[in-house]
Amino acid sequence: MKKALVILILVLTVVFLSSSAFADPSRRHGFGPRPSSFVNVYKIDGSFAGGLKSRLWGGIYATANVQYRPDENDVEFQAGAVYMLPLKILFFRLYGGAGQQFSRVRDFRYPYVVLGTNYLFFFSEVIYPLTEERPEKYRFGLSFHF
């Protein structure tokens, strides 16, 4: 009996989530349609950088960020994926995800977790490297969606 109840709860949860995930975006109450892409421009560690988030399907976006460090003549690249929550709180769009960061000259590679929000024409992110040698980073800048 307990096993059947757990299976019933799982089936109902999947049905509820799938019906809300594939609903018409214009008819989602207060959620609004999701943009197809975001272009980010920001300054981090004294240098300018850029990023792109492009929607794959639903609320899942592929991400890429490139940062040039002129003092070290190095290029850092971040690639990953984020899930943008369908709920829009006032003008905030919250998201979270993970990825991998690479460096050309310093030859490092490590995974990271990112939490962020888009609001109006700005964005803010916190990047938590999953290694002990690196501190967390904060990004803030302009975000244009289309």
N, C-alpha and C. Protein backbone atom coordinates (compact mmCIF):
# COMPACT_ATOMS: atom_id res chain seq x y z
N MET A 1 0.82 -1.19 0.00
CA MET A 1 0.00 0.00 0.00
C MET A 1 0.86 1.26 0.00
N LYS A 2 1.93 1.24 0.80
CA LYS A 2 2.82 2.39 0.89
C LYS A 2 3.52 2.65 -0.45
N LYS A 3 3.92 1.59 -1.13
CA LYS A 3 4.58 1.72 -2.43
C LYS A 3 3.63 2.31 -3.46
N ALA A 4 2.38 1.89 -3.46
CA ALA A 4 1.39 2.41 -4.40
C ALA A 4 1.12 3.88 -4.15
N LEU A 5 1.11 4.31 -2.89
CA LEU A 5 0.89 5.71 -2.55
C LEU A 5 2.05 6.57 -3.03
N VAL A 6 3.26 6.10 -2.86
CA VAL A 6 4.44 6.83 -3.33
C VAL A 6 4.43 6.96 -4.86
N ILE A 7 4.07 5.90 -5.55
CA ILE A 7 4.00 5.93 -7.02
C ILE A 7 2.91 6.91 -7.47
N LEU A 8 1.76 6.90 -6.81
CA LEU A 8 0.68 7.83 -7.14
C LEU A 8 1.10 9.28 -6.94
N ILE A 9 1.78 9.57 -5.86
CA ILE A 9 2.27 10.93 -5.61
C ILE A 9 3.28 11.35 -6.67
N LEU A 10 4.18 10.46 -7.05
CA LEU A 10 5.16 10.78 -8.09
C LEU A 10 4.49 11.04 -9.43
N VAL A 11 3.50 10.23 -9.79
CA VAL A 11 2.80 10.41 -11.07
C VAL A 11 2.05 11.73 -11.07
N LEU A 12 1.36 12.06 -10.00
CA LEU A 12 0.64 13.33 -9.93
C LEU A 12 1.59 14.52 -9.99
N THR A 13 2.74 14.41 -9.36
CA THR A 13 3.74 15.48 -9.41
C THR A 13 4.26 15.68 -10.83
N VAL A 14 4.57 14.60 -11.51
CA VAL A 14 5.05 14.70 -12.89
C VAL A 14 3.99 15.30 -13.81
N VAL A 15 2.74 14.89 -13.65
CA VAL A 15 1.66 15.43 -14.47
C VAL A 15 1.49 16.92 -14.20
N PHE A 16 1.51 17.32 -12.95
CA PHE A 16 1.36 18.73 -12.61
C PHE A 16 2.51 19.56 -13.17
N LEU A 17 3.75 19.08 -12.99
CA LEU A 17 4.90 19.83 -13.48
C LEU A 17 4.93 19.89 -15.00
N SER A 18 4.58 18.81 -15.67
CA SER A 18 4.61 18.82 -17.13
C SER A 18 3.52 19.71 -17.70
N SER A 19 2.36 19.74 -17.07
CA SER A 19 1.29 20.60 -17.59
C SER A 19 1.63 22.06 -17.40
N SER A 20 2.30 22.42 -16.30
CA SER A 20 2.67 23.82 -16.11
C SER A 20 3.90 24.17 -16.93
N ALA A 21 4.77 23.22 -17.21
CA ALA A 21 5.98 23.50 -17.98
C ALA A 21 5.68 23.71 -19.45
N PHE A 22 4.66 23.01 -19.99
CA PHE A 22 4.36 23.12 -21.41
C PHE A 22 3.14 24.01 -21.68
N ALA A 23 2.74 24.77 -20.68
CA ALA A 23 1.60 25.67 -20.88
C ALA A 23 2.00 26.83 -21.79
N ASP A 24 1.02 27.46 -22.36
CA ASP A 24 1.24 28.62 -23.22
C ASP A 24 1.85 29.74 -22.37
N PRO A 25 3.05 30.26 -22.71
CA PRO A 25 3.70 31.26 -21.87
C PRO A 25 2.88 32.52 -21.70
N SER A 26 2.07 32.89 -22.68
CA SER A 26 1.28 34.11 -22.56
C SER A 26 0.11 33.93 -21.60
N ARG A 27 -0.23 32.70 -21.27
CA ARG A 27 -1.37 32.45 -20.38
C ARG A 27 -0.93 32.07 -18.98
N ARG A 28 0.37 32.07 -18.71
CA ARG A 28 0.84 31.77 -17.36
C ARG A 28 0.62 33.01 -16.50
N HIS A 29 -0.14 32.91 -15.46
CA HIS A 29 -0.55 34.05 -14.66
C HIS A 29 0.64 34.66 -13.93
N GLY A 30 1.06 35.86 -14.35
CA GLY A 30 2.14 36.58 -13.68
C GLY A 30 3.54 36.12 -14.05
N PHE A 31 3.66 35.10 -14.85
CA PHE A 31 4.99 34.59 -15.16
C PHE A 31 5.60 35.32 -16.35
N GLY A 32 4.82 35.56 -17.38
CA GLY A 32 5.33 36.23 -18.58
C GLY A 32 6.16 35.29 -19.43
N PRO A 33 6.30 35.60 -20.71
CA PRO A 33 7.11 34.76 -21.59
C PRO A 33 8.60 34.88 -21.27
N ARG A 34 9.33 33.81 -21.51
CA ARG A 34 10.77 33.83 -21.29
C ARG A 34 11.47 34.37 -22.52
N PRO A 35 12.48 35.23 -22.34
CA PRO A 35 13.25 35.71 -23.49
C PRO A 35 14.05 34.56 -24.10
N SER A 36 14.36 34.68 -25.39
CA SER A 36 15.12 33.61 -26.04
C SER A 36 16.61 33.72 -25.78
N SER A 37 17.14 34.93 -25.56
CA SER A 37 18.57 35.10 -25.32
C SER A 37 18.83 36.33 -24.44
N PHE A 38 19.96 36.28 -23.74
CA PHE A 38 20.44 37.41 -22.95
C PHE A 38 21.89 37.67 -23.35
N VAL A 39 22.25 38.93 -23.52
CA VAL A 39 23.64 39.32 -23.73
C VAL A 39 24.04 40.16 -22.52
N ASN A 40 25.12 39.76 -21.84
CA ASN A 40 25.57 40.45 -20.63
C ASN A 40 26.91 41.14 -20.89
N VAL A 41 27.03 42.35 -20.37
CA VAL A 41 28.29 43.10 -20.41
C VAL A 41 28.56 43.56 -18.98
N TYR A 42 29.77 43.27 -18.48
CA TYR A 42 30.08 43.58 -17.09
C TYR A 42 31.58 43.79 -16.91
N LYS A 43 31.94 44.30 -15.74
CA LYS A 43 33.35 44.50 -15.39
C LYS A 43 33.63 43.65 -14.15
N ILE A 44 34.65 42.81 -14.25
CA ILE A 44 35.02 41.93 -13.15
C ILE A 44 36.54 41.87 -13.06
N ASP A 45 37.06 41.96 -11.85
CA ASP A 45 38.51 41.92 -11.61
C ASP A 45 39.25 42.97 -12.43
N GLY A 46 38.66 44.13 -12.63
CA GLY A 46 39.33 45.22 -13.34
C GLY A 46 39.31 45.13 -14.85
N SER A 47 38.61 44.18 -15.42
CA SER A 47 38.56 44.10 -16.89
C SER A 47 37.11 43.86 -17.33
N PHE A 48 36.83 44.28 -18.55
CA PHE A 48 35.49 44.10 -19.10
C PHE A 48 35.34 42.68 -19.64
N ALA A 49 34.11 42.19 -19.57
CA ALA A 49 33.83 40.83 -20.03
C ALA A 49 32.43 40.80 -20.62
N GLY A 50 32.14 39.70 -21.31
CA GLY A 50 30.83 39.54 -21.93
C GLY A 50 30.33 38.13 -21.78
N GLY A 51 29.02 37.99 -21.86
CA GLY A 51 28.42 36.68 -21.73
C GLY A 51 27.16 36.56 -22.56
N LEU A 52 26.75 35.33 -22.79
CA LEU A 52 25.56 35.03 -23.57
C LEU A 52 24.80 33.89 -22.90
N LYS A 53 23.50 34.07 -22.77
CA LYS A 53 22.61 32.98 -22.34
C LYS A 53 21.61 32.79 -23.47
N SER A 54 21.53 31.59 -23.97
CA SER A 54 20.63 31.28 -25.08
C SER A 54 19.72 30.12 -24.69
N ARG A 55 18.42 30.32 -24.86
CA ARG A 55 17.46 29.31 -24.43
C ARG A 55 17.53 28.08 -25.32
N LEU A 56 17.63 26.91 -24.67
CA LEU A 56 17.61 25.64 -25.38
C LEU A 56 16.18 25.15 -25.51
N TRP A 57 15.49 24.98 -24.39
CA TRP A 57 14.08 24.62 -24.37
C TRP A 57 13.55 24.94 -22.97
N GLY A 58 12.29 25.31 -22.91
CA GLY A 58 11.67 25.62 -21.63
C GLY A 58 12.43 26.71 -20.91
N GLY A 59 12.82 26.44 -19.68
CA GLY A 59 13.57 27.40 -18.88
C GLY A 59 15.05 27.11 -18.82
N ILE A 60 15.56 26.22 -19.67
CA ILE A 60 16.98 25.85 -19.64
C ILE A 60 17.74 26.68 -20.67
N TYR A 61 18.80 27.34 -20.21
CA TYR A 61 19.63 28.19 -21.05
C TYR A 61 21.07 27.69 -21.05
N ALA A 62 21.69 27.70 -22.21
CA ALA A 62 23.13 27.45 -22.33
C ALA A 62 23.83 28.78 -22.09
N THR A 63 24.94 28.75 -21.36
CA THR A 63 25.64 30.00 -21.03
C THR A 63 27.09 29.93 -21.49
N ALA A 64 27.63 31.10 -21.81
CA ALA A 64 29.04 31.24 -22.15
C ALA A 64 29.49 32.63 -21.73
N ASN A 65 30.63 32.72 -21.06
CA ASN A 65 31.21 34.00 -20.64
C ASN A 65 32.69 34.00 -21.00
N VAL A 66 33.17 35.14 -21.49
CA VAL A 66 34.58 35.29 -21.85
C VAL A 66 35.12 36.52 -21.15
N GLN A 67 36.28 36.35 -20.51
CA GLN A 67 36.93 37.46 -19.81
C GLN A 67 38.41 37.49 -20.18
N TYR A 68 38.88 38.67 -20.58
CA TYR A 68 40.30 38.84 -20.90
C TYR A 68 40.98 39.54 -19.74
N ARG A 69 42.11 39.01 -19.29
CA ARG A 69 42.90 39.60 -18.20
C ARG A 69 44.18 40.17 -18.81
N PRO A 70 44.22 41.49 -19.02
CA PRO A 70 45.39 42.08 -19.69
C PRO A 70 46.67 41.99 -18.86
N ASP A 71 46.58 42.03 -17.53
CA ASP A 71 47.79 41.95 -16.71
C ASP A 71 48.48 40.60 -16.80
N GLU A 72 47.73 39.54 -17.08
CA GLU A 72 48.29 38.19 -17.20
C GLU A 72 48.28 37.69 -18.63
N ASN A 73 47.77 38.50 -19.56
CA ASN A 73 47.62 38.11 -20.96
C ASN A 73 46.92 36.75 -21.05
N ASP A 74 45.79 36.66 -20.35
CA ASP A 74 45.07 35.40 -20.22
C ASP A 74 43.61 35.59 -20.60
N VAL A 75 43.01 34.55 -21.11
CA VAL A 75 41.58 34.53 -21.42
C VAL A 75 40.94 33.43 -20.60
N GLU A 76 39.89 33.80 -19.87
CA GLU A 76 39.11 32.83 -19.11
C GLU A 76 37.77 32.62 -19.81
N PHE A 77 37.35 31.38 -19.88
CA PHE A 77 36.10 31.03 -20.55
C PHE A 77 35.26 30.19 -19.60
N GLN A 78 33.98 30.53 -19.49
CA GLN A 78 33.04 29.75 -18.69
C GLN A 78 31.93 29.25 -19.59
N ALA A 79 31.62 27.97 -19.48
CA ALA A 79 30.52 27.38 -20.24
C ALA A 79 29.67 26.56 -19.28
N GLY A 80 28.36 26.63 -19.45
CA GLY A 80 27.49 25.89 -18.56
C GLY A 80 26.04 25.98 -18.97
N ALA A 81 25.18 25.69 -18.01
CA ALA A 81 23.73 25.75 -18.23
C ALA A 81 23.07 26.26 -16.96
N VAL A 82 21.98 27.01 -17.15
CA VAL A 82 21.21 27.50 -16.01
C VAL A 82 19.74 27.20 -16.26
N TYR A 83 19.02 27.09 -15.17
CA TYR A 83 17.57 26.95 -15.24
C TYR A 83 16.95 28.23 -14.71
N MET A 84 16.19 28.92 -15.54
CA MET A 84 15.52 30.14 -15.14
C MET A 84 14.14 29.78 -14.63
N LEU A 85 13.86 30.14 -13.39
CA LEU A 85 12.56 29.84 -12.80
C LEU A 85 11.45 30.51 -13.60
N PRO A 86 10.33 29.84 -13.79
CA PRO A 86 9.25 30.42 -14.59
C PRO A 86 8.57 31.59 -13.88
N LEU A 87 8.73 31.68 -12.57
CA LEU A 87 8.09 32.73 -11.80
C LEU A 87 8.88 34.02 -11.89
N LYS A 88 8.20 35.10 -12.23
CA LYS A 88 8.82 36.42 -12.28
C LYS A 88 8.31 37.20 -11.07
N ILE A 89 9.18 37.51 -10.12
CA ILE A 89 8.81 38.22 -8.91
C ILE A 89 9.06 39.71 -9.13
N LEU A 90 7.99 40.49 -9.17
CA LEU A 90 8.04 41.90 -9.55
C LEU A 90 8.72 42.00 -10.91
N PHE A 91 9.97 42.40 -10.95
CA PHE A 91 10.71 42.45 -12.21
C PHE A 91 11.97 41.60 -12.14
N PHE A 92 12.07 40.69 -11.18
CA PHE A 92 13.23 39.82 -11.01
C PHE A 92 12.98 38.46 -11.65
N ARG A 93 13.94 37.96 -12.43
CA ARG A 93 13.93 36.60 -12.97
C ARG A 93 15.10 35.86 -12.33
N LEU A 94 14.80 34.91 -11.46
CA LEU A 94 15.83 34.18 -10.72
C LEU A 94 16.26 32.94 -11.50
N TYR A 95 17.54 32.58 -11.38
CA TYR A 95 18.04 31.38 -12.03
C TYR A 95 19.22 30.81 -11.26
N GLY A 96 19.53 29.58 -11.54
CA GLY A 96 20.67 28.89 -10.95
C GLY A 96 21.17 27.83 -11.90
N GLY A 97 22.44 27.50 -11.78
CA GLY A 97 22.99 26.49 -12.68
C GLY A 97 24.42 26.13 -12.32
N ALA A 98 25.09 25.51 -13.26
CA ALA A 98 26.46 25.05 -13.05
C ALA A 98 27.20 25.06 -14.37
N GLY A 99 28.51 24.94 -14.28
CA GLY A 99 29.32 24.92 -15.49
C GLY A 99 30.77 24.62 -15.20
N GLN A 100 31.60 24.91 -16.16
CA GLN A 100 33.03 24.64 -16.10
C GLN A 100 33.78 25.90 -16.52
N GLN A 101 34.83 26.25 -15.79
CA GLN A 101 35.65 27.41 -16.14
C GLN A 101 37.03 26.95 -16.58
N PHE A 102 37.53 27.58 -17.67
CA PHE A 102 38.82 27.23 -18.25
C PHE A 102 39.70 28.48 -18.31
N SER A 103 41.01 28.28 -18.26
CA SER A 103 41.95 29.37 -18.45
C SER A 103 42.97 28.95 -19.50
N ARG A 104 43.35 29.90 -20.35
CA ARG A 104 44.26 29.58 -21.44
C ARG A 104 45.72 29.52 -20.96
N VAL A 105 46.18 30.54 -20.24
CA VAL A 105 47.58 30.62 -19.84
C VAL A 105 47.85 29.90 -18.52
N ARG A 106 47.02 30.16 -17.52
CA ARG A 106 47.25 29.56 -16.20
C ARG A 106 46.87 28.09 -16.16
N ASP A 107 46.25 27.61 -17.22
CA ASP A 107 45.95 26.20 -17.40
C ASP A 107 45.23 25.58 -16.20
N PHE A 108 44.10 26.18 -15.84
CA PHE A 108 43.27 25.56 -14.81
C PHE A 108 41.89 25.27 -15.39
N ARG A 109 41.22 24.37 -14.72
CA ARG A 109 39.85 24.00 -15.11
C ARG A 109 39.15 23.52 -13.85
N TYR A 110 38.01 24.11 -13.57
CA TYR A 110 37.25 23.68 -12.40
C TYR A 110 35.76 23.94 -12.61
N PRO A 111 34.92 23.17 -11.93
CA PRO A 111 33.48 23.38 -12.03
C PRO A 111 33.04 24.52 -11.09
N TYR A 112 31.89 25.08 -11.37
CA TYR A 112 31.34 26.14 -10.54
C TYR A 112 29.82 26.04 -10.50
N VAL A 113 29.24 26.68 -9.50
CA VAL A 113 27.79 26.81 -9.36
C VAL A 113 27.49 28.30 -9.41
N VAL A 114 26.42 28.66 -10.11
CA VAL A 114 26.07 30.07 -10.25
C VAL A 114 24.61 30.29 -9.81
N LEU A 115 24.40 31.39 -9.10
CA LEU A 115 23.06 31.84 -8.72
C LEU A 115 22.94 33.27 -9.19
N GLY A 116 21.81 33.62 -9.82
CA GLY A 116 21.70 34.96 -10.34
C GLY A 116 20.28 35.42 -10.55
N THR A 117 20.18 36.67 -10.99
CA THR A 117 18.89 37.27 -11.30
C THR A 117 19.06 38.29 -12.41
N ASN A 118 18.04 38.38 -13.25
CA ASN A 118 17.94 39.45 -14.25
C ASN A 118 16.82 40.37 -13.79
N TYR A 119 17.06 41.66 -13.86
CA TYR A 119 16.03 42.62 -13.50
C TYR A 119 16.21 43.88 -14.34
N LEU A 120 15.07 44.36 -14.85
CA LEU A 120 15.07 45.51 -15.76
C LEU A 120 16.09 45.27 -16.85
N PHE A 121 17.14 46.08 -16.93
CA PHE A 121 18.20 45.85 -17.92
C PHE A 121 19.53 45.60 -17.23
N PHE A 122 19.49 45.06 -16.00
CA PHE A 122 20.68 44.70 -15.24
C PHE A 122 20.65 43.20 -14.93
N PHE A 123 21.79 42.69 -14.48
CA PHE A 123 21.86 41.32 -13.98
C PHE A 123 22.86 41.28 -12.84
N SER A 124 22.76 40.28 -12.01
CA SER A 124 23.67 40.07 -10.90
C SER A 124 23.85 38.57 -10.71
N GLU A 125 25.10 38.14 -10.50
CA GLU A 125 25.39 36.72 -10.32
C GLU A 125 26.43 36.52 -9.23
N VAL A 126 26.33 35.39 -8.55
CA VAL A 126 27.33 34.93 -7.60
C VAL A 126 27.83 33.60 -8.12
N ILE A 127 29.15 33.47 -8.26
CA ILE A 127 29.77 32.26 -8.79
C ILE A 127 30.56 31.59 -7.67
N TYR A 128 30.19 30.36 -7.35
CA TYR A 128 30.86 29.58 -6.33
C TYR A 128 31.72 28.50 -6.99
N PRO A 129 33.04 28.68 -7.07
CA PRO A 129 33.90 27.63 -7.62
C PRO A 129 33.90 26.41 -6.70
N LEU A 130 33.84 25.25 -7.28
CA LEU A 130 33.84 24.01 -6.51
C LEU A 130 35.26 23.49 -6.33
N THR A 131 36.13 24.40 -5.89
CA THR A 131 37.51 24.07 -5.56
C THR A 131 37.93 24.97 -4.40
N GLU A 132 38.86 24.52 -3.60
CA GLU A 132 39.26 25.29 -2.42
C GLU A 132 40.19 26.45 -2.74
N GLU A 133 40.85 26.42 -3.88
CA GLU A 133 41.85 27.44 -4.20
C GLU A 133 41.22 28.76 -4.66
N ARG A 134 39.97 28.76 -5.07
CA ARG A 134 39.35 29.93 -5.67
C ARG A 134 38.25 30.49 -4.78
N PRO A 135 38.25 31.82 -4.57
CA PRO A 135 37.13 32.43 -3.82
C PRO A 135 35.94 32.64 -4.73
N GLU A 136 34.77 32.91 -4.14
CA GLU A 136 33.60 33.18 -4.96
C GLU A 136 33.75 34.54 -5.64
N LYS A 137 33.05 34.70 -6.76
CA LYS A 137 33.08 35.94 -7.53
C LYS A 137 31.67 36.50 -7.64
N TYR A 138 31.61 37.81 -7.79
CA TYR A 138 30.34 38.50 -7.96
C TYR A 138 30.38 39.27 -9.26
N ARG A 139 29.31 39.14 -10.04
CA ARG A 139 29.22 39.87 -11.30
C ARG A 139 27.98 40.75 -11.26
N PHE A 140 28.10 41.93 -11.82
CA PHE A 140 26.98 42.84 -11.93
C PHE A 140 27.20 43.66 -13.19
N GLY A 141 26.18 43.81 -14.00
CA GLY A 141 26.33 44.59 -15.21
C GLY A 141 25.03 44.74 -15.96
N LEU A 142 25.19 45.09 -17.23
CA LEU A 142 24.03 45.29 -18.10
C LEU A 142 23.63 43.98 -18.75
N SER A 143 22.33 43.79 -18.90
CA SER A 143 21.80 42.59 -19.54
C SER A 143 20.71 43.00 -20.52
N PHE A 144 20.89 42.59 -21.75
CA PHE A 144 19.92 42.89 -22.80
C PHE A 144 19.29 41.58 -23.26
N HIS A 145 17.98 41.51 -23.26
CA HIS A 145 17.33 40.29 -23.72
C HIS A 145 16.55 40.56 -25.00
N PHE A 146 16.46 39.52 -25.79
CA PHE A 146 15.73 39.60 -27.06
C PHE A 146 15.16 38.25 -27.40
